Amino acid sequence: MRAAMIEERRSKGINPFPHKFHVSIALAKFIAQYDYLEKDVILEDVVHSVAGRIFSKREAGGKLIFYDLHGEGTRLQVLANAR
């Protein structure tokens, strides 16, 4: 039933999974813009809002959280500091 509803909306050109917040940059553009960064580089003054589905969440040592975000045909790993 849910799958039929999703397909019906897609056939009408309606996004079946709309997000309800402002997206400042698409995932593919975000990756292209910051792909040059070396490991362990932190940009503290940069803020972006991206949209995607969280496919997995892992915690490391109680202070770090890793998210695997999928969207727009691409994937992004997010490293969050659990302050």
PDB file of N, CA and C in Angstrom:
ATOM      1  N   MET A   1       0.818  -1.180   0.000  1.00  0.00           N
ATOM      2  CA  MET A   1       0.000   0.000   0.000  1.00  0.00           C
ATOM      3  C   MET A   1       0.871   1.256   0.000  1.00  0.00           C
ATOM      4  N   ARG A   2       1.860   1.301   0.874  1.00  0.00           N
ATOM      5  CA  ARG A   2       2.751   2.458   0.924  1.00  0.00           C
ATOM      6  C   ARG A   2       3.533   2.596  -0.379  1.00  0.00           C
ATOM      7  N   ALA A   3       3.997   1.469  -0.918  1.00  0.00           N
ATOM      8  CA  ALA A   3       4.753   1.504  -2.172  1.00  0.00           C
ATOM      9  C   ALA A   3       3.895   2.040  -3.310  1.00  0.00           C
ATOM     10  N   ALA A   4       2.621   1.681  -3.323  1.00  0.00           N
ATOM     11  CA  ALA A   4       1.715   2.178  -4.366  1.00  0.00           C
ATOM     12  C   ALA A   4       1.523   3.687  -4.243  1.00  0.00           C
ATOM     13  N   MET A   5       1.404   4.186  -3.010  1.00  0.00           N
ATOM     14  CA  MET A   5       1.247   5.621  -2.788  1.00  0.00           C
ATOM     15  C   MET A   5       2.492   6.378  -3.260  1.00  0.00           C
ATOM     16  N   ILE A   6       3.651   5.819  -2.963  1.00  0.00           N
ATOM     17  CA  ILE A   6       4.908   6.452  -3.373  1.00  0.00           C
ATOM     18  C   ILE A   6       4.989   6.512  -4.890  1.00  0.00           C
ATOM     19  N   GLU A   7       4.698   5.413  -5.565  1.00  0.00           N
ATOM     20  CA  GLU A   7       4.752   5.380  -7.027  1.00  0.00           C
ATOM     21  C   GLU A   7       3.728   6.321  -7.653  1.00  0.00           C
ATOM     22  N   GLU A   8       2.551   6.409  -7.048  1.00  0.00           N
ATOM     23  CA  GLU A   8       1.518   7.315  -7.563  1.00  0.00           C
ATOM     24  C   GLU A   8       2.003   8.766  -7.494  1.00  0.00           C
ATOM     25  N   ARG A   9       2.591   9.145  -6.370  1.00  0.00           N
ATOM     26  CA  ARG A   9       3.102  10.515  -6.233  1.00  0.00           C
ATOM     27  C   ARG A   9       4.243  10.781  -7.209  1.00  0.00           C
ATOM     28  N   ARG A  10       5.137   9.816  -7.345  1.00  0.00           N
ATOM     29  CA  ARG A  10       6.255   9.994  -8.289  1.00  0.00           C
ATOM     30  C   ARG A  10       5.753  10.150  -9.717  1.00  0.00           C
ATOM     31  N   SER A  11       4.738   9.373 -10.093  1.00  0.00           N
ATOM     32  CA  SER A  11       4.204   9.459 -11.456  1.00  0.00           C
ATOM     33  C   SER A  11       3.565  10.815 -11.732  1.00  0.00           C
ATOM     34  N   LYS A  12       3.122  11.494 -10.675  1.00  0.00           N
ATOM     35  CA  LYS A  12       2.535  12.831 -10.812  1.00  0.00           C
ATOM     36  C   LYS A  12       3.579  13.939 -10.674  1.00  0.00           C
ATOM     37  N   GLY A  13       4.848  13.537 -10.509  1.00  0.00           N
ATOM     38  CA  GLY A  13       5.917  14.528 -10.371  1.00  0.00           C
ATOM     39  C   GLY A  13       6.018  15.125  -8.984  1.00  0.00           C
ATOM     40  N   ILE A  14       5.419  14.463  -7.993  1.00  0.00           N
ATOM     41  CA  ILE A  14       5.454  14.938  -6.607  1.00  0.00           C
ATOM     42  C   ILE A  14       6.505  14.144  -5.847  1.00  0.00           C
ATOM     43  N   ASN A  15       7.366  14.833  -5.117  1.00  0.00           N
ATOM     44  CA  ASN A  15       8.370  14.169  -4.295  1.00  0.00           C
ATOM     45  C   ASN A  15       7.668  13.489  -3.119  1.00  0.00           C
ATOM     46  N   PRO A  16       7.751  12.158  -3.004  1.00  0.00           N
ATOM     47  CA  PRO A  16       7.066  11.471  -1.912  1.00  0.00           C
ATOM     48  C   PRO A  16       7.742  11.663  -0.554  1.00  0.00           C
ATOM     49  N   PHE A  17       8.957  12.178  -0.550  1.00  0.00           N
ATOM     50  CA  PHE A  17       9.693  12.389   0.695  1.00  0.00           C
ATOM     51  C   PHE A  17      10.208  13.823   0.777  1.00  0.00           C
ATOM     52  N   PRO A  18       9.313  14.802   0.842  1.00  0.00           N
ATOM     53  CA  PRO A  18       9.788  16.195   0.874  1.00  0.00           C
ATOM     54  C   PRO A  18      10.434  16.517   2.220  1.00  0.00           C
ATOM     55  N   HIS A  19      11.435  17.359   2.195  1.00  0.00           N
ATOM     56  CA  HIS A  19      12.022  17.823   3.450  1.00  0.00           C
ATOM     57  C   HIS A  19      11.391  19.160   3.794  1.00  0.00           C
ATOM     58  N   LYS A  20      11.381  19.493   5.053  1.00  0.00           N
ATOM     59  CA  LYS A  20      10.698  20.698   5.495  1.00  0.00           C
ATOM     60  C   LYS A  20      11.682  21.683   6.118  1.00  0.00           C
ATOM     61  N   PHE A  21      12.835  21.808   5.519  1.00  0.00           N
ATOM     62  CA  PHE A  21      13.812  22.779   5.985  1.00  0.00           C
ATOM     63  C   PHE A  21      14.585  23.301   4.790  1.00  0.00           C
ATOM     64  N   HIS A  22      15.232  24.428   4.987  1.00  0.00           N
ATOM     65  CA  HIS A  22      15.991  25.055   3.907  1.00  0.00           C
ATOM     66  C   HIS A  22      17.278  24.277   3.654  1.00  0.00           C
ATOM     67  N   VAL A  23      17.511  23.898   2.427  1.00  0.00           N
ATOM     68  CA  VAL A  23      18.749  23.235   2.029  1.00  0.00           C
ATOM     69  C   VAL A  23      19.622  24.288   1.367  1.00  0.00           C
ATOM     70  N   SER A  24      20.793  24.542   1.955  1.00  0.00           N
ATOM     71  CA  SER A  24      21.659  25.596   1.423  1.00  0.00           C
ATOM     72  C   SER A  24      22.551  25.112   0.290  1.00  0.00           C
ATOM     73  N   ILE A  25      22.784  23.787   0.205  1.00  0.00           N
ATOM     74  CA  ILE A  25      23.664  23.254  -0.838  1.00  0.00           C
ATOM     75  C   ILE A  25      23.293  21.790  -1.096  1.00  0.00           C
ATOM     76  N   ALA A  26      23.285  21.403  -2.352  1.00  0.00           N
ATOM     77  CA  ALA A  26      22.992  20.013  -2.715  1.00  0.00           C
ATOM     78  C   ALA A  26      24.173  19.127  -2.325  1.00  0.00           C
ATOM     79  N   LEU A  27      23.904  17.859  -2.042  1.00  0.00           N
ATOM     80  CA  LEU A  27      24.976  16.943  -1.635  1.00  0.00           C
ATOM     81  C   LEU A  27      26.088  16.859  -2.674  1.00  0.00           C
ATOM     82  N   ALA A  28      25.721  16.720  -3.943  1.00  0.00           N
ATOM     83  CA  ALA A  28      26.735  16.598  -4.996  1.00  0.00           C
ATOM     84  C   ALA A  28      27.593  17.859  -5.072  1.00  0.00           C
ATOM     85  N   LYS A  29      26.975  19.023  -4.937  1.00  0.00           N
ATOM     86  CA  LYS A  29      27.723  20.280  -4.973  1.00  0.00           C
ATOM     87  C   LYS A  29      28.610  20.413  -3.734  1.00  0.00           C
ATOM     88  N   PHE A  30      28.110  19.982  -2.584  1.00  0.00           N
ATOM     89  CA  PHE A  30      28.895  20.012  -1.350  1.00  0.00           C
ATOM     90  C   PHE A  30      30.162  19.177  -1.501  1.00  0.00           C
ATOM     91  N   ILE A  31      29.992  17.970  -2.038  1.00  0.00           N
ATOM     92  CA  ILE A  31      31.143  17.081  -2.232  1.00  0.00           C
ATOM     93  C   ILE A  31      32.129  17.699  -3.214  1.00  0.00           C
ATOM     94  N   ALA A  32      31.638  18.253  -4.313  1.00  0.00           N
ATOM     95  CA  ALA A  32      32.525  18.876  -5.304  1.00  0.00           C
ATOM     96  C   ALA A  32      33.259  20.076  -4.711  1.00  0.00           C
ATOM     97  N   GLN A  33      32.577  20.835  -3.862  1.00  0.00           N
ATOM     98  CA  GLN A  33      33.166  22.050  -3.295  1.00  0.00           C
ATOM     99  C   GLN A  33      34.240  21.751  -2.253  1.00  0.00           C
ATOM    100  N   TYR A  34      34.080  20.658  -1.497  1.00  0.00           N
ATOM    101  CA  TYR A  34      35.005  20.381  -0.395  1.00  0.00           C
ATOM    102  C   TYR A  34      35.840  19.116  -0.587  1.00  0.00           C
ATOM    103  N   ASP A  35      35.817  18.536  -1.762  1.00  0.00           N
ATOM    104  CA  ASP A  35      36.554  17.300  -2.020  1.00  0.00           C
ATOM    105  C   ASP A  35      38.068  17.477  -1.927  1.00  0.00           C
ATOM    106  N   TYR A  36      38.549  18.683  -2.089  1.00  0.00           N
ATOM    107  CA  TYR A  36      39.990  18.946  -2.071  1.00  0.00           C
ATOM    108  C   TYR A  36      40.586  18.882  -0.662  1.00  0.00           C
ATOM    109  N   LEU A  37      39.767  18.941   0.377  1.00  0.00           N
ATOM    110  CA  LEU A  37      40.275  18.998   1.748  1.00  0.00           C
ATOM    111  C   LEU A  37      41.014  17.721   2.131  1.00  0.00           C
ATOM    112  N   GLU A  38      42.099  17.892   2.843  1.00  0.00           N
ATOM    113  CA  GLU A  38      42.855  16.752   3.361  1.00  0.00           C
ATOM    114  C   GLU A  38      42.149  16.192   4.595  1.00  0.00           C
ATOM    115  N   LYS A  39      42.520  14.982   5.000  1.00  0.00           N
ATOM    116  CA  LYS A  39      41.972  14.389   6.214  1.00  0.00           C
ATOM    117  C   LYS A  39      42.303  15.263   7.414  1.00  0.00           C
ATOM    118  N   ASP A  40      41.449  15.238   8.402  1.00  0.00           N
ATOM    119  CA  ASP A  40      41.628  15.938   9.678  1.00  0.00           C
ATOM    120  C   ASP A  40      41.549  17.453   9.579  1.00  0.00           C
ATOM    121  N   VAL A  41      41.127  18.002   8.445  1.00  0.00           N
ATOM    122  CA  VAL A  41      40.930  19.445   8.323  1.00  0.00           C
ATOM    123  C   VAL A  41      39.524  19.766   8.821  1.00  0.00           C
ATOM    124  N   ILE A  42      39.420  20.741   9.712  1.00  0.00           N
ATOM    125  CA  ILE A  42      38.133  21.141  10.271  1.00  0.00           C
ATOM    126  C   ILE A  42      37.858  22.586   9.887  1.00  0.00           C
ATOM    127  N   LEU A  43      36.716  22.823   9.268  1.00  0.00           N
ATOM    128  CA  LEU A  43      36.286  24.178   8.919  1.00  0.00           C
ATOM    129  C   LEU A  43      35.192  24.573   9.910  1.00  0.00           C
ATOM    130  N   GLU A  44      35.549  25.272  10.963  1.00  0.00           N
ATOM    131  CA  GLU A  44      34.601  25.574  12.033  1.00  0.00           C
ATOM    132  C   GLU A  44      33.647  26.710  11.697  1.00  0.00           C
ATOM    133  N   ASP A  45      34.022  27.606  10.797  1.00  0.00           N
ATOM    134  CA  ASP A  45      33.191  28.768  10.499  1.00  0.00           C
ATOM    135  C   ASP A  45      32.273  28.552   9.304  1.00  0.00           C
ATOM    136  N   VAL A  46      32.190  27.341   8.797  1.00  0.00           N
ATOM    137  CA  VAL A  46      31.370  27.037   7.627  1.00  0.00           C
ATOM    138  C   VAL A  46      30.121  26.289   8.093  1.00  0.00           C
ATOM    139  N   VAL A  47      28.954  26.780   7.682  1.00  0.00           N
ATOM    140  CA  VAL A  47      27.690  26.141   8.051  1.00  0.00           C
ATOM    141  C   VAL A  47      26.880  25.896   6.781  1.00  0.00           C
ATOM    142  N   HIS A  48      26.438  24.659   6.588  1.00  0.00           N
ATOM    143  CA  HIS A  48      25.595  24.291   5.455  1.00  0.00           C
ATOM    144  C   HIS A  48      24.460  23.412   5.955  1.00  0.00           C
ATOM    145  N   SER A  49      23.365  23.423   5.228  1.00  0.00           N
ATOM    146  CA  SER A  49      22.255  22.497   5.460  1.00  0.00           C
ATOM    147  C   SER A  49      22.128  21.629   4.221  1.00  0.00           C
ATOM    148  N   VAL A  50      22.200  20.306   4.411  1.00  0.00           N
ATOM    149  CA  VAL A  50      22.050  19.369   3.304  1.00  0.00           C
ATOM    150  C   VAL A  50      20.888  18.434   3.623  1.00  0.00           C
ATOM    151  N   ALA A  51      20.377  17.778   2.603  1.00  0.00           N
ATOM    152  CA  ALA A  51      19.269  16.844   2.803  1.00  0.00           C
ATOM    153  C   ALA A  51      19.665  15.475   2.284  1.00  0.00           C
ATOM    154  N   GLY A  52      19.219  14.447   2.967  1.00  0.00           N
ATOM    155  CA  GLY A  52      19.474  13.082   2.558  1.00  0.00           C
ATOM    156  C   GLY A  52      18.902  12.129   3.590  1.00  0.00           C
ATOM    157  N   ARG A  53      19.045  10.860   3.326  1.00  0.00           N
ATOM    158  CA  ARG A  53      18.586   9.845   4.271  1.00  0.00           C
ATOM    159  C   ARG A  53      19.782   9.307   5.036  1.00  0.00           C
ATOM    160  N   ILE A  54      19.620   9.180   6.335  1.00  0.00           N
ATOM    161  CA  ILE A  54      20.670   8.598   7.162  1.00  0.00           C
ATOM    162  C   ILE A  54      20.546   7.083   7.059  1.00  0.00           C
ATOM    163  N   PHE A  55      21.579   6.459   6.485  1.00  0.00           N
ATOM    164  CA  PHE A  55      21.566   5.011   6.320  1.00  0.00           C
ATOM    165  C   PHE A  55      22.201   4.302   7.497  1.00  0.00           C
ATOM    166  N   SER A  56      23.135   4.961   8.163  1.00  0.00           N
ATOM    167  CA  SER A  56      23.708   4.355   9.357  1.00  0.00           C
ATOM    168  C   SER A  56      24.266   5.435  10.266  1.00  0.00           C
ATOM    169  N   LYS A  57      24.305   5.101  11.551  1.00  0.00           N
ATOM    170  CA  LYS A  57      24.854   5.991  12.575  1.00  0.00           C
ATOM    171  C   LYS A  57      25.732   5.132  13.474  1.00  0.00           C
ATOM    172  N   ARG A  58      26.966   5.586  13.691  1.00  0.00           N
ATOM    173  CA  ARG A  58      27.896   4.855  14.541  1.00  0.00           C
ATOM    174  C   ARG A  58      28.532   5.819  15.531  1.00  0.00           C
ATOM    175  N   GLU A  59      28.699   5.373  16.750  1.00  0.00           N
ATOM    176  CA  GLU A  59      29.362   6.186  17.761  1.00  0.00           C
ATOM    177  C   GLU A  59      30.734   5.600  18.030  1.00  0.00           C
ATOM    178  N   ALA A  60      31.702   6.493  18.254  1.00  0.00           N
ATOM    179  CA  ALA A  60      33.077   6.068  18.525  1.00  0.00           C
ATOM    180  C   ALA A  60      33.551   6.741  19.807  1.00  0.00           C
ATOM    181  N   GLY A  61      33.692   5.965  20.849  1.00  0.00           N
ATOM    182  CA  GLY A  61      34.244   6.481  22.087  1.00  0.00           C
ATOM    183  C   GLY A  61      33.371   7.470  22.839  1.00  0.00           C
ATOM    184  N   GLY A  62      32.122   7.593  22.496  1.00  0.00           N
ATOM    185  CA  GLY A  62      31.243   8.492  23.216  1.00  0.00           C
ATOM    186  C   GLY A  62      31.367   9.955  22.838  1.00  0.00           C
ATOM    187  N   LYS A  63      32.359  10.308  22.024  1.00  0.00           N
ATOM    188  CA  LYS A  63      32.546  11.711  21.658  1.00  0.00           C
ATOM    189  C   LYS A  63      32.347  11.978  20.176  1.00  0.00           C
ATOM    190  N   LEU A  64      32.487  10.958  19.359  1.00  0.00           N
ATOM    191  CA  LEU A  64      32.346  11.131  17.916  1.00  0.00           C
ATOM    192  C   LEU A  64      31.166  10.316  17.405  1.00  0.00           C
ATOM    193  N   ILE A  65      30.459  10.892  16.442  1.00  0.00           N
ATOM    194  CA  ILE A  65      29.341  10.204  15.805  1.00  0.00           C
ATOM    195  C   ILE A  65      29.549  10.272  14.297  1.00  0.00           C
ATOM    196  N   PHE A  66      29.428   9.131  13.634  1.00  0.00           N
ATOM    197  CA  PHE A  66      29.542   9.047  12.180  1.00  0.00           C
ATOM    198  C   PHE A  66      28.167   8.761  11.599  1.00  0.00           C
ATOM    199  N   TYR A  67      27.785   9.525  10.578  1.00  0.00           N
ATOM    200  CA  TYR A  67      26.535   9.311   9.860  1.00  0.00           C
ATOM    201  C   TYR A  67      26.868   9.032   8.399  1.00  0.00           C
ATOM    202  N   ASP A  68      26.209   8.036   7.806  1.00  0.00           N
ATOM    203  CA  ASP A  68      26.286   7.808   6.365  1.00  0.00           C
ATOM    204  C   ASP A  68      25.004   8.359   5.771  1.00  0.00           C
ATOM    205  N   LEU A  69      25.143   9.420   4.984  1.00  0.00           N
ATOM    206  CA  LEU A  69      24.012  10.134   4.405  1.00  0.00           C
ATOM    207  C   LEU A  69      23.955   9.844   2.912  1.00  0.00           C
ATOM    208  N   HIS A  70      22.780   9.440   2.407  1.00  0.00           N
ATOM    209  CA  HIS A  70      22.591   9.139   0.986  1.00  0.00           C
ATOM    210  C   HIS A  70      21.531  10.074   0.425  1.00  0.00           C
ATOM    211  N   GLY A  71      21.778  10.588  -0.768  1.00  0.00           N
ATOM    212  CA  GLY A  71      20.794  11.428  -1.433  1.00  0.00           C
ATOM    213  C   GLY A  71      21.297  11.884  -2.779  1.00  0.00           C
ATOM    214  N   GLU A  72      20.367  12.124  -3.700  1.00  0.00           N
ATOM    215  CA  GLU A  72      20.695  12.639  -5.028  1.00  0.00           C
ATOM    216  C   GLU A  72      21.713  11.762  -5.758  1.00  0.00           C
ATOM    217  N   GLY A  73      21.669  10.457  -5.507  1.00  0.00           N
ATOM    218  CA  GLY A  73      22.572   9.533  -6.174  1.00  0.00           C
ATOM    219  C   GLY A  73      23.997   9.555  -5.658  1.00  0.00           C
ATOM    220  N   THR A  74      24.218  10.130  -4.496  1.00  0.00           N
ATOM    221  CA  THR A  74      25.562  10.200  -3.935  1.00  0.00           C
ATOM    222  C   THR A  74      25.527   9.884  -2.445  1.00  0.00           C
ATOM    223  N   ARG A  75      26.713   9.686  -1.866  1.00  0.00           N
ATOM    224  CA  ARG A  75      26.824   9.369  -0.441  1.00  0.00           C
ATOM    225  C   ARG A  75      27.799  10.324   0.213  1.00  0.00           C
ATOM    226  N   LEU A  76      27.568  10.589   1.491  1.00  0.00           N
ATOM    227  CA  LEU A  76      28.432  11.484   2.252  1.00  0.00           C
ATOM    228  C   LEU A  76      28.558  10.933   3.659  1.00  0.00           C
ATOM    229  N   GLN A  77      29.784  10.868   4.174  1.00  0.00           N
ATOM    230  CA  GLN A  77      29.977  10.478   5.561  1.00  0.00           C
ATOM    231  C   GLN A  77      30.156  11.746   6.383  1.00  0.00           C
ATOM    232  N   VAL A  78      29.353  11.878   7.425  1.00  0.00           N
ATOM    233  CA  VAL A  78      29.400  13.048   8.299  1.00  0.00           C
ATOM    234  C   VAL A  78      30.037  12.631   9.611  1.00  0.00           C
ATOM    235  N   LEU A  79      31.004  13.404  10.060  1.00  0.00           N
ATOM    236  CA  LEU A  79      31.641  13.196  11.355  1.00  0.00           C
ATOM    237  C   LEU A  79      31.177  14.316  12.268  1.00  0.00           C
ATOM    238  N   ALA A  80      30.487  13.964  13.340  1.00  0.00           N
ATOM    239  CA  ALA A  80      29.963  14.961  14.271  1.00  0.00           C
ATOM    240  C   ALA A  80      30.639  14.799  15.622  1.00  0.00           C
ATOM    241  N   ASN A  81      30.963  15.914  16.240  1.00  0.00           N
ATOM    242  CA  ASN A  81      31.550  15.930  17.568  1.00  0.00           C
ATOM    243  C   ASN A  81      30.411  16.065  18.567  1.00  0.00           C
ATOM    244  N   ALA A  82      30.230  15.085  19.435  1.00  0.00           N
ATOM    245  CA  ALA A  82      29.138  15.097  20.414  1.00  0.00           C
ATOM    246  C   ALA A  82      29.568  15.908  21.632  1.00  0.00           C
ATOM    247  N   ARG A  83      29.555  17.203  21.492  1.00  0.00           N
ATOM    248  CA  ARG A  83      30.005  18.085  22.587  1.00  0.00           C
ATOM    249  C   ARG A  83      29.077  18.045  23.752  1.00  0.00           C
TER     250      ARG A  83
END
